[in-house]
Structure formats: structure tokens, C-alpha cells
Amino acid sequence: MVVQQHRRRGGTFAALAAVLGVVATSGCSGGGGAVADDGRGGGHSDEVLRAADVLVGAGSSKARTSMEMATGGTRVTIRGEGGYDFQRRMGQLTVVLPKDPAGAEQHRPITELLTPGALYMKNRGAGVPADKWVRVDTTTLEDGNLVTGGATDPLAAAELLRSARGVTYVGEEKLAGRTVRHYRGITDIARAAQVAEPHARASLAAAAKGFATDTVPFDAYLDDEGRLRKVRHRFTFTNGGGTVAVTSTTLLYDFGTPVSVRLPDERDIYAGRIRA
């Protein structure tokens, strides 16, 4: 069974809360300045535009993710950790939800399987048996699962960079003991959907319809081999008449580490009603 999510303009943030059981409201975030602009699609831009292809060539890696939302003076952060096989376009993350204000755990960690067009979740809660999986068709989500699952698919994050423009070279930095080149710019979700590889087009096309603006500021960090080591996107959409910003960060490391992803059998996918 495919669990359908209600597609409602401006409801992405509410969908994130519903899918993961996180209670939050609107907030905002911003970016900083940069130097040495290269906005003509050459030079620095070329390296960013090729980021997804280089990842596929690298094979696989471990991954850490974080997704931060602001509500008033409170920040809610969802964290994930696992691995991704860029050639098979599949990954697995363990997503940890934030604690409640009293410090108690609100939810068991959620296991997520990332595949082209579908997201599988275990320990989903909301009436789903602990031994069952929920399958979500990401092409029906108004954000294309860029934020709904609490983590941005690492390869989708790189595919978004195929439409990068106004790329600025910030400089060299140290990241986990390695020297990386830091770039800053903006990307366009609708344009990315047009130029992305086939596995990502439908989900990105759905996302292009759901956000308040197609323009997404990013910071990308690449190593000497052109591999994307870290990428941060700042998504913006409307919710209840307000503007919501979600900052999604993906960290990639230990390239070449084998990543095994086994999809659940059909009998293990939950076919019942999910509580709101």
C-alpha cells in the first residue's frame, strides 16, 4: 500500500510535523555574504554543477543529516545518520527526533529507506505497528520529500545543485580534518527538475509546486576530488499565512564504505490507517 499524503499548497511544514510527529510552527533563517563571485556558469560553477555526477562515480559514503526549524525563540533539530549508495540511488538513515521540553524522548528513532520515488519508514508511530513499514510515494508530496521525512535525500540534495547560479567561491576551509572548497549560491527547484537525472525528476517537479519560492540558497563544500562533502540548503514555504524556513544540512564522509539497503517485503508494509 502507498500511504498518500494530502497535497495542500503551503502545507509542507504541517506535513513534516504530521509524518514525524514533531510539533513546531513557523520561523525563519538567513544567510551571509561571500567573495569572488562567479555567476556565469563557468569556473567555480562548473564544479558545483557536476557534484551529483561525481558522487555517483564515488560509489557510496556514510552520511549525517540535520534539519533545523525555528519557532519563535526555539529551534527544533531532527538528526539522521546512515549511508548512501549513489550508484544504486538508495540509502538508509536512522532519524532521531528532538526531545520534549522536559527532556524525555518523544519517539523511538525512525529507520528510513531512501529510494527513487519512495520513502520507507519504520517506527513511524501514530498507530503503525512497530514491526511494520510505511511507504510514501514521494512524487505525491508537495515538497518532493526534500523536508517531509526530516532529512533531505543526499543524492537529491546534489541533484538540486545542477541548476546552481550566482556561484561564489568563499575560500578553503577545514572540514573533519580535510581541506574543502566552500561555494555559495542559489539554485532553482523547477530548473533542477528539468535537468536532473531521471530518478530525481518527478520528486523535484513535485517540490517545485509546493514551496513558496523555487529559489533555494545553498552552501556547498567540495574536496580536492570534487566530491560533495557537505551541503546546506535553506528552503522557504508558506504555512498558515506565514513564511517558514527550514535549513537542511547533509554531511558525506568515508567514501567507498559499502552500503546495503534491503527494501521490505510487501507483507511487511502497513496497510491500515495512520493517525494524524
C-alpha atoms as a PDB file:
ATOM      1  CA  MET A   1       0.000   0.000   0.000  1.00  0.00           C
ATOM      2  CA  VAL A   2       1.126   3.544  -0.712  1.00  0.00           C
ATOM      3  CA  VAL A   3       0.339   5.944   2.091  1.00  0.00           C
ATOM      4  CA  GLN A   4      -0.900   9.090   0.377  1.00  0.00           C
ATOM      5  CA  GLN A   5      -0.124  12.480   1.879  1.00  0.00           C
ATOM      6  CA  HIS A   6      -2.651  15.295   1.464  1.00  0.00           C
ATOM      7  CA  ARG A   7      -1.309  17.771  -1.081  1.00  0.00           C
ATOM      8  CA  ARG A   8      -2.168  21.235   0.138  1.00  0.00           C
ATOM      9  CA  ARG A   9      -0.458  24.398  -1.064  1.00  0.00           C
ATOM     10  CA  GLY A  10       1.569  25.796   1.798  1.00  0.00           C
ATOM     11  CA  GLY A  11       1.154  22.676   3.932  1.00  0.00           C
ATOM     12  CA  THR A  12       4.665  21.240   3.675  1.00  0.00           C
ATOM     13  CA  PHE A  13       5.656  22.264   7.176  1.00  0.00           C
ATOM     14  CA  ALA A  14       2.447  20.768   8.572  1.00  0.00           C
ATOM     15  CA  ALA A  15       3.161  17.582   6.605  1.00  0.00           C
ATOM     16  CA  LEU A  16       6.624  17.383   8.173  1.00  0.00           C
ATOM     17  CA  ALA A  17       5.079  17.615  11.619  1.00  0.00           C
ATOM     18  CA  ALA A  18       2.442  15.017  10.756  1.00  0.00           C
ATOM     19  CA  VAL A  19       4.823  12.487   9.240  1.00  0.00           C
ATOM     20  CA  LEU A  20       7.379  12.635  12.039  1.00  0.00           C
ATOM     21  CA  GLY A  21       5.224  13.642  14.989  1.00  0.00           C
ATOM     22  CA  VAL A  22       7.144  16.872  15.505  1.00  0.00           C
ATOM     23  CA  VAL A  23       5.169  19.837  16.819  1.00  0.00           C
ATOM     24  CA  ALA A  24       6.523  23.165  15.538  1.00  0.00           C
ATOM     25  CA  THR A  25       5.371  26.367  13.894  1.00  0.00           C
ATOM     26  CA  SER A  26       6.833  28.939  11.561  1.00  0.00           C
ATOM     27  CA  GLY A  27      10.281  30.505  11.781  1.00  0.00           C
ATOM     28  CA  CYS A  28      12.993  31.990   9.608  1.00  0.00           C
ATOM     29  CA  SER A  29      16.707  31.904   8.942  1.00  0.00           C
ATOM     30  CA  GLY A  30      19.139  33.814   6.798  1.00  0.00           C
ATOM     31  CA  GLY A  31      22.487  33.627   5.081  1.00  0.00           C
ATOM     32  CA  GLY A  32      25.685  35.638   4.994  1.00  0.00           C
ATOM     33  CA  GLY A  33      27.937  37.294   2.487  1.00  0.00           C
ATOM     34  CA  ALA A  34      30.677  35.870   0.252  1.00  0.00           C
ATOM     35  CA  VAL A  35      33.548  36.855  -2.033  1.00  0.00           C
ATOM     36  CA  ALA A  36      34.896  36.218  -5.542  1.00  0.00           C
ATOM     37  CA  ASP A  37      31.642  35.908  -7.454  1.00  0.00           C
ATOM     38  CA  ASP A  38      31.374  33.633 -10.482  1.00  0.00           C
ATOM     39  CA  GLY A  39      27.802  33.766 -11.762  1.00  0.00           C
ATOM     40  CA  ARG A  40      28.265  32.902 -15.444  1.00  0.00           C
ATOM     41  CA  GLY A  41      28.068  29.108 -15.200  1.00  0.00           C
ATOM     42  CA  GLY A  42      31.814  28.608 -15.645  1.00  0.00           C
ATOM     43  CA  GLY A  43      34.828  28.216 -13.387  1.00  0.00           C
ATOM     44  CA  HIS A  44      33.648  27.672  -9.831  1.00  0.00           C
ATOM     45  CA  SER A  45      30.093  26.972 -11.007  1.00  0.00           C
ATOM     46  CA  ASP A  46      31.185  24.005 -13.115  1.00  0.00           C
ATOM     47  CA  GLU A  47      32.474  22.101 -10.095  1.00  0.00           C
ATOM     48  CA  VAL A  48      29.203  22.631  -8.231  1.00  0.00           C
ATOM     49  CA  LEU A  49      27.103  21.679 -11.265  1.00  0.00           C
ATOM     50  CA  ARG A  50      28.972  18.350 -11.537  1.00  0.00           C
ATOM     51  CA  ALA A  51      28.602  17.441  -7.847  1.00  0.00           C
ATOM     52  CA  ALA A  52      25.904  14.786  -8.366  1.00  0.00           C
ATOM     53  CA  ASP A  53      27.849  13.060 -11.154  1.00  0.00           C
ATOM     54  CA  VAL A  54      30.989  12.933  -9.022  1.00  0.00           C
ATOM     55  CA  LEU A  55      29.070  11.345  -6.159  1.00  0.00           C
ATOM     56  CA  VAL A  56      27.779   8.616  -8.454  1.00  0.00           C
ATOM     57  CA  GLY A  57      31.357   7.987  -9.539  1.00  0.00           C
ATOM     58  CA  ALA A  58      32.441   7.781  -5.882  1.00  0.00           C
ATOM     59  CA  GLY A  59      30.033   4.888  -5.352  1.00  0.00           C
ATOM     60  CA  SER A  60      28.879   5.268  -1.765  1.00  0.00           C
ATOM     61  CA  SER A  61      29.522   7.005   1.535  1.00  0.00           C
ATOM     62  CA  LYS A  62      28.382   7.388   5.096  1.00  0.00           C
ATOM     63  CA  ALA A  63      26.047  10.305   5.756  1.00  0.00           C
ATOM     64  CA  ARG A  64      24.851  12.542   8.557  1.00  0.00           C
ATOM     65  CA  THR A  65      21.900  14.876   8.200  1.00  0.00           C
ATOM     66  CA  SER A  66      20.277  17.620  10.212  1.00  0.00           C
ATOM     67  CA  MET A  67      17.106  19.591   9.606  1.00  0.00           C
ATOM     68  CA  GLU A  68      16.517  22.728  11.664  1.00  0.00           C
ATOM     69  CA  MET A  69      13.272  24.649  12.058  1.00  0.00           C
ATOM     70  CA  ALA A  70      12.789  27.791  14.115  1.00  0.00           C
ATOM     71  CA  THR A  71       9.651  28.625  16.047  1.00  0.00           C
ATOM     72  CA  GLY A  72       9.804  31.871  17.963  1.00  0.00           C
ATOM     73  CA  GLY A  73      12.920  31.632  20.103  1.00  0.00           C
ATOM     74  CA  THR A  74      13.009  27.825  19.954  1.00  0.00           C
ATOM     75  CA  ARG A  75      14.907  25.757  17.403  1.00  0.00           C
ATOM     76  CA  VAL A  76      13.876  22.203  16.624  1.00  0.00           C
ATOM     77  CA  THR A  77      16.510  19.947  15.052  1.00  0.00           C
ATOM     78  CA  ILE A  78      15.987  16.492  13.571  1.00  0.00           C
ATOM     79  CA  ARG A  79      19.170  14.460  13.036  1.00  0.00           C
ATOM     80  CA  GLY A  80      19.919  11.428  10.908  1.00  0.00           C
ATOM     81  CA  GLU A  81      22.850   9.077  10.343  1.00  0.00           C
ATOM     82  CA  GLY A  82      23.492   6.210   7.943  1.00  0.00           C
ATOM     83  CA  GLY A  83      24.831   5.570   4.464  1.00  0.00           C
ATOM     84  CA  TYR A  84      24.018   6.058   0.802  1.00  0.00           C
ATOM     85  CA  ASP A  85      24.754   4.052  -2.338  1.00  0.00           C
ATOM     86  CA  PHE A  86      24.910   6.687  -5.076  1.00  0.00           C
ATOM     87  CA  GLN A  87      25.113   4.173  -7.898  1.00  0.00           C
ATOM     88  CA  ARG A  88      22.005   2.282  -6.783  1.00  0.00           C
ATOM     89  CA  ARG A  89      20.429   5.588  -5.699  1.00  0.00           C
ATOM     90  CA  MET A  90      19.388   4.114  -2.362  1.00  0.00           C
ATOM     91  CA  GLY A  91      20.202   4.957   1.227  1.00  0.00           C
ATOM     92  CA  GLN A  92      19.348   4.190   4.818  1.00  0.00           C
ATOM     93  CA  LEU A  93      19.182   6.652   7.710  1.00  0.00           C
ATOM     94  CA  THR A  94      18.323   6.417  11.375  1.00  0.00           C
ATOM     95  CA  VAL A  95      16.433   9.627  12.125  1.00  0.00           C
ATOM     96  CA  VAL A  96      16.344  10.884  15.710  1.00  0.00           C
ATOM     97  CA  LEU A  97      13.589  13.278  16.733  1.00  0.00           C
ATOM     98  CA  PRO A  98      14.129  16.035  19.309  1.00  0.00           C
ATOM     99  CA  LYS A  99      13.310  15.536  22.980  1.00  0.00           C
ATOM    100  CA  ASP A 100      10.305  17.188  24.533  1.00  0.00           C
ATOM    101  CA  PRO A 101      10.833  20.249  26.783  1.00  0.00           C
ATOM    102  CA  ALA A 102      11.049  18.006  29.853  1.00  0.00           C
ATOM    103  CA  GLY A 103      13.951  16.092  28.315  1.00  0.00           C
ATOM    104  CA  ALA A 104      12.116  12.836  27.737  1.00  0.00           C
ATOM    105  CA  GLU A 105      12.360  11.034  24.417  1.00  0.00           C
ATOM    106  CA  GLN A 106       9.268  11.742  22.303  1.00  0.00           C
ATOM    107  CA  HIS A 107       9.699   8.998  19.762  1.00  0.00           C
ATOM    108  CA  ARG A 108      11.865   5.999  19.030  1.00  0.00           C
ATOM    109  CA  PRO A 109      14.410   6.603  16.239  1.00  0.00           C
ATOM    110  CA  ILE A 110      12.842   6.150  12.811  1.00  0.00           C
ATOM    111  CA  THR A 111      14.561   3.955  10.230  1.00  0.00           C
ATOM    112  CA  GLU A 112      14.207   5.482   6.762  1.00  0.00           C
ATOM    113  CA  LEU A 113      14.969   3.837   3.440  1.00  0.00           C
ATOM    114  CA  LEU A 114      15.518   6.358   0.642  1.00  0.00           C
ATOM    115  CA  THR A 115      14.781   5.231  -2.906  1.00  0.00           C
ATOM    116  CA  PRO A 116      13.838   6.953  -6.182  1.00  0.00           C
ATOM    117  CA  GLY A 117      10.177   7.933  -5.836  1.00  0.00           C
ATOM    118  CA  ALA A 118       9.549   6.314  -2.452  1.00  0.00           C
ATOM    119  CA  LEU A 119      10.355   6.708   1.225  1.00  0.00           C
ATOM    120  CA  TYR A 120      10.022   3.765   3.631  1.00  0.00           C
ATOM    121  CA  MET A 121       9.757   4.402   7.380  1.00  0.00           C
ATOM    122  CA  LYS A 122       9.868   2.014  10.347  1.00  0.00           C
ATOM    123  CA  ASN A 123       8.956   3.003  13.918  1.00  0.00           C
ATOM    124  CA  ARG A 124       6.677   5.562  12.334  1.00  0.00           C
ATOM    125  CA  GLY A 125       4.336   5.642  15.337  1.00  0.00           C
ATOM    126  CA  ALA A 126       0.809   7.075  15.034  1.00  0.00           C
ATOM    127  CA  GLY A 127      -0.807   3.675  15.254  1.00  0.00           C
ATOM    128  CA  VAL A 128       1.613   1.852  12.946  1.00  0.00           C
ATOM    129  CA  PRO A 129       2.789  -1.469  14.489  1.00  0.00           C
ATOM    130  CA  ALA A 130       6.458  -1.418  15.487  1.00  0.00           C
ATOM    131  CA  ASP A 131       7.313  -4.269  13.110  1.00  0.00           C
ATOM    132  CA  LYS A 132       5.672  -2.651  10.064  1.00  0.00           C
ATOM    133  CA  TRP A 133       6.928  -0.201   7.443  1.00  0.00           C
ATOM    134  CA  VAL A 134       5.122   2.780   5.958  1.00  0.00           C
ATOM    135  CA  ARG A 135       5.701   3.518   2.277  1.00  0.00           C
ATOM    136  CA  VAL A 136       5.245   7.072   0.992  1.00  0.00           C
ATOM    137  CA  ASP A 137       5.182   7.933  -2.706  1.00  0.00           C
ATOM    138  CA  THR A 138       7.457  10.993  -2.719  1.00  0.00           C
ATOM    139  CA  THR A 139       6.175  12.146  -6.103  1.00  0.00           C
ATOM    140  CA  THR A 140       2.828  12.904  -4.420  1.00  0.00           C
ATOM    141  CA  LEU A 141       4.360  15.055  -1.692  1.00  0.00           C
ATOM    142  CA  GLU A 142       4.214  18.777  -2.305  1.00  0.00           C
ATOM    143  CA  ASP A 143       7.846  19.108  -1.240  1.00  0.00           C
ATOM    144  CA  GLY A 144       9.067  16.001  -3.100  1.00  0.00           C
ATOM    145  CA  ASN A 145      10.378  14.735   0.272  1.00  0.00           C
ATOM    146  CA  LEU A 146      13.033  17.448   0.459  1.00  0.00           C
ATOM    147  CA  VAL A 147      11.874  18.138   4.031  1.00  0.00           C
ATOM    148  CA  THR A 148       8.902  15.891   4.874  1.00  0.00           C
ATOM    149  CA  GLY A 149      10.983  12.916   6.008  1.00  0.00           C
ATOM    150  CA  GLY A 150      13.104  15.044   8.345  1.00  0.00           C
ATOM    151  CA  ALA A 151      16.152  14.558   6.105  1.00  0.00           C
ATOM    152  CA  THR A 152      16.922  15.507   2.518  1.00  0.00           C
ATOM    153  CA  ASP A 153      17.905  12.557   0.324  1.00  0.00           C
ATOM    154  CA  PRO A 154      21.690  13.080  -0.135  1.00  0.00           C
ATOM    155  CA  LEU A 155      21.614  12.457  -3.878  1.00  0.00           C
ATOM    156  CA  ALA A 156      18.561  14.698  -4.298  1.00  0.00           C
ATOM    157  CA  ALA A 157      20.475  17.401  -2.431  1.00  0.00           C
ATOM    158  CA  ALA A 158      23.254  17.087  -5.006  1.00  0.00           C
ATOM    159  CA  GLU A 159      20.799  16.981  -7.920  1.00  0.00           C
ATOM    160  CA  LEU A 160      19.468  20.354  -6.783  1.00  0.00           C
ATOM    161  CA  LEU A 161      22.923  21.809  -7.472  1.00  0.00           C
ATOM    162  CA  ARG A 162      22.586  21.083 -11.211  1.00  0.00           C
ATOM    163  CA  SER A 163      20.746  24.399 -11.545  1.00  0.00           C
ATOM    164  CA  ALA A 164      23.182  26.390  -9.393  1.00  0.00           C
ATOM    165  CA  ARG A 165      23.747  30.009 -10.397  1.00  0.00           C
ATOM    166  CA  GLY A 166      25.390  33.079  -8.966  1.00  0.00           C
ATOM    167  CA  VAL A 167      28.016  30.749  -7.510  1.00  0.00           C
ATOM    168  CA  THR A 168      30.517  32.434  -5.220  1.00  0.00           C
ATOM    169  CA  TYR A 169      33.822  30.962  -4.071  1.00  0.00           C
ATOM    170  CA  VAL A 170      34.101  31.682  -0.344  1.00  0.00           C
ATOM    171  CA  GLY A 171      37.504  30.046   0.188  1.00  0.00           C
ATOM    172  CA  GLU A 172      39.228  26.985   1.614  1.00  0.00           C
ATOM    173  CA  GLU A 173      38.165  25.606   4.969  1.00  0.00           C
ATOM    174  CA  LYS A 174      38.834  22.604   7.169  1.00  0.00           C
ATOM    175  CA  LEU A 175      36.079  20.020   7.493  1.00  0.00           C
ATOM    176  CA  ALA A 176      36.678  16.908   9.597  1.00  0.00           C
ATOM    177  CA  GLY A 177      40.418  17.360   9.120  1.00  0.00           C
ATOM    178  CA  ARG A 178      40.244  17.728   5.334  1.00  0.00           C
ATOM    179  CA  THR A 179      40.652  20.835   3.207  1.00  0.00           C
ATOM    180  CA  VAL A 180      37.470  21.654   1.291  1.00  0.00           C
ATOM    181  CA  ARG A 181      36.439  24.438  -1.058  1.00  0.00           C
ATOM    182  CA  HIS A 182      33.420  26.385   0.105  1.00  0.00           C
ATOM    183  CA  TYR A 183      30.963  27.688  -2.502  1.00  0.00           C
ATOM    184  CA  ARG A 184      27.805  29.700  -2.023  1.00  0.00           C
ATOM    185  CA  GLY A 185      24.976  30.402  -4.441  1.00  0.00           C
ATOM    186  CA  ILE A 186      21.331  29.803  -5.242  1.00  0.00           C
ATOM    187  CA  THR A 187      19.554  27.048  -7.091  1.00  0.00           C
ATOM    188  CA  ASP A 188      16.115  26.792  -8.668  1.00  0.00           C
ATOM    189  CA  ILE A 189      13.949  23.760  -7.870  1.00  0.00           C
ATOM    190  CA  ALA A 190      11.910  23.891 -11.090  1.00  0.00           C
ATOM    191  CA  ARG A 191      15.016  24.218 -13.223  1.00  0.00           C
ATOM    192  CA  ALA A 192      16.720  21.420 -11.261  1.00  0.00           C
ATOM    193  CA  ALA A 193      13.726  19.171 -12.003  1.00  0.00           C
ATOM    194  CA  GLN A 194      14.257  19.758 -15.724  1.00  0.00           C
ATOM    195  CA  VAL A 195      17.999  18.998 -15.759  1.00  0.00           C
ATOM    196  CA  ALA A 196      18.156  16.309 -13.043  1.00  0.00           C
ATOM    197  CA  GLU A 197      18.768  12.656 -13.758  1.00  0.00           C
ATOM    198  CA  PRO A 198      15.532  10.681 -14.444  1.00  0.00           C
ATOM    199  CA  HIS A 199      15.394   9.130 -10.956  1.00  0.00           C
ATOM    200  CA  ALA A 200      15.013  12.570  -9.333  1.00  0.00           C
ATOM    201  CA  ARG A 201      12.834  14.463 -11.801  1.00  0.00           C
ATOM    202  CA  ALA A 202       9.354  13.543 -10.580  1.00  0.00           C
ATOM    203  CA  SER A 203      10.060  14.303  -6.928  1.00  0.00           C
ATOM    204  CA  LEU A 204      11.771  17.603  -7.737  1.00  0.00           C
ATOM    205  CA  ALA A 205       8.934  18.553 -10.079  1.00  0.00           C
ATOM    206  CA  ALA A 206       6.506  17.987  -7.195  1.00  0.00           C
ATOM    207  CA  ALA A 207       8.696  20.122  -4.930  1.00  0.00           C
ATOM    208  CA  ALA A 208       8.713  22.939  -7.478  1.00  0.00           C
ATOM    209  CA  LYS A 209       4.945  23.259  -6.980  1.00  0.00           C
ATOM    210  CA  GLY A 210       4.932  23.139  -3.196  1.00  0.00           C
ATOM    211  CA  PHE A 211       7.406  25.746  -1.973  1.00  0.00           C
ATOM    212  CA  ALA A 212       6.740  29.453  -1.582  1.00  0.00           C
ATOM    213  CA  THR A 213       9.672  30.139  -3.901  1.00  0.00           C
ATOM    214  CA  ASP A 214      11.730  27.963  -6.226  1.00  0.00           C
ATOM    215  CA  THR A 215      14.879  29.833  -5.229  1.00  0.00           C
ATOM    216  CA  VAL A 216      16.963  27.940  -2.670  1.00  0.00           C
ATOM    217  CA  PRO A 217      20.179  29.441  -1.231  1.00  0.00           C
ATOM    218  CA  PHE A 218      22.923  26.871  -0.631  1.00  0.00           C
ATOM    219  CA  ASP A 219      26.419  26.390   0.732  1.00  0.00           C
ATOM    220  CA  ALA A 220      28.424  23.529  -0.786  1.00  0.00           C
ATOM    221  CA  TYR A 221      31.786  22.148   0.351  1.00  0.00           C
ATOM    222  CA  LEU A 222      33.810  20.011  -2.087  1.00  0.00           C
ATOM    223  CA  ASP A 223      37.118  18.217  -1.602  1.00  0.00           C
ATOM    224  CA  ASP A 224      40.099  18.062  -3.974  1.00  0.00           C
ATOM    225  CA  GLU A 225      38.440  15.227  -5.914  1.00  0.00           C
ATOM    226  CA  GLY A 226      35.286  17.268  -6.460  1.00  0.00           C
ATOM    227  CA  ARG A 227      33.259  15.136  -4.047  1.00  0.00           C
ATOM    228  CA  LEU A 228      30.487  16.893  -2.165  1.00  0.00           C
ATOM    229  CA  ARG A 229      31.434  16.702   1.492  1.00  0.00           C
ATOM    230  CA  LYS A 230      28.778  18.972   2.904  1.00  0.00           C
ATOM    231  CA  VAL A 231      25.800  20.861   1.527  1.00  0.00           C
ATOM    232  CA  ARG A 232      23.329  23.146   3.259  1.00  0.00           C
ATOM    233  CA  HIS A 233      20.039  24.226   1.665  1.00  0.00           C
ATOM    234  CA  ARG A 234      17.637  26.844   3.026  1.00  0.00           C
ATOM    235  CA  PHE A 235      14.092  26.059   1.890  1.00  0.00           C
ATOM    236  CA  THR A 236      11.233  28.547   2.195  1.00  0.00           C
ATOM    237  CA  PHE A 237       7.494  27.971   2.020  1.00  0.00           C
ATOM    238  CA  THR A 238       4.265  29.398   3.371  1.00  0.00           C
ATOM    239  CA  ASN A 239       2.303  27.878   6.236  1.00  0.00           C
ATOM    240  CA  GLY A 240      -0.841  29.328   7.756  1.00  0.00           C
ATOM    241  CA  GLY A 241      -0.211  32.666   6.087  1.00  0.00           C
ATOM    242  CA  GLY A 242       3.367  32.921   7.376  1.00  0.00           C
ATOM    243  CA  THR A 243       6.760  32.204   5.871  1.00  0.00           C
ATOM    244  CA  VAL A 244       8.650  29.165   7.133  1.00  0.00           C
ATOM    245  CA  ALA A 245      12.350  28.467   6.643  1.00  0.00           C
ATOM    246  CA  VAL A 246      13.928  25.036   7.072  1.00  0.00           C
ATOM    247  CA  THR A 247      17.691  24.581   6.946  1.00  0.00           C
ATOM    248  CA  SER A 248      18.731  21.113   5.756  1.00  0.00           C
ATOM    249  CA  THR A 249      22.373  20.034   6.054  1.00  0.00           C
ATOM    250  CA  THR A 250      23.947  16.856   4.660  1.00  0.00           C
ATOM    251  CA  LEU A 251      27.465  15.699   5.576  1.00  0.00           C
ATOM    252  CA  LEU A 252      29.128  12.947   3.494  1.00  0.00           C
ATOM    253  CA  TYR A 253      32.260  11.039   4.563  1.00  0.00           C
ATOM    254  CA  ASP A 254      34.044   7.669   4.390  1.00  0.00           C
ATOM    255  CA  PHE A 255      33.518   7.331   0.645  1.00  0.00           C
ATOM    256  CA  GLY A 256      33.582   3.772  -0.648  1.00  0.00           C
ATOM    257  CA  THR A 257      32.075   2.299   2.520  1.00  0.00           C
ATOM    258  CA  PRO A 258      29.692  -0.499   1.454  1.00  0.00           C
ATOM    259  CA  VAL A 259      26.035   0.423   1.984  1.00  0.00           C
ATOM    260  CA  SER A 260      23.409  -2.314   1.991  1.00  0.00           C
ATOM    261  CA  VAL A 261      19.749  -1.351   1.596  1.00  0.00           C
ATOM    262  CA  ARG A 262      17.093  -4.055   1.603  1.00  0.00           C
ATOM    263  CA  LEU A 263      13.553  -2.980   0.820  1.00  0.00           C
ATOM    264  CA  PRO A 264      10.801  -4.513   2.965  1.00  0.00           C
ATOM    265  CA  ASP A 265       8.601  -7.282   1.651  1.00  0.00           C
ATOM    266  CA  GLU A 266       5.090  -6.295   0.667  1.00  0.00           C
ATOM    267  CA  ARG A 267       3.658  -8.203   3.643  1.00  0.00           C
ATOM    268  CA  ASP A 268       5.711  -6.017   5.996  1.00  0.00           C
ATOM    269  CA  ILE A 269       4.250  -2.740   4.687  1.00  0.00           C
ATOM    270  CA  TYR A 270       1.446  -1.330   6.824  1.00  0.00           C
ATOM    271  CA  ALA A 271      -1.928  -1.167   5.081  1.00  0.00           C
ATOM    272  CA  GLY A 272      -4.005   0.384   7.857  1.00  0.00           C
ATOM    273  CA  ARG A 273      -4.997   3.879   8.845  1.00  0.00           C
ATOM    274  CA  ILE A 274      -2.364   6.258  10.199  1.00  0.00           C
ATOM    275  CA  ARG A 275      -3.463   8.593  12.978  1.00  0.00           C
ATOM    276  CA  ALA A 276      -2.895  12.315  12.375  1.00  0.00           C
END
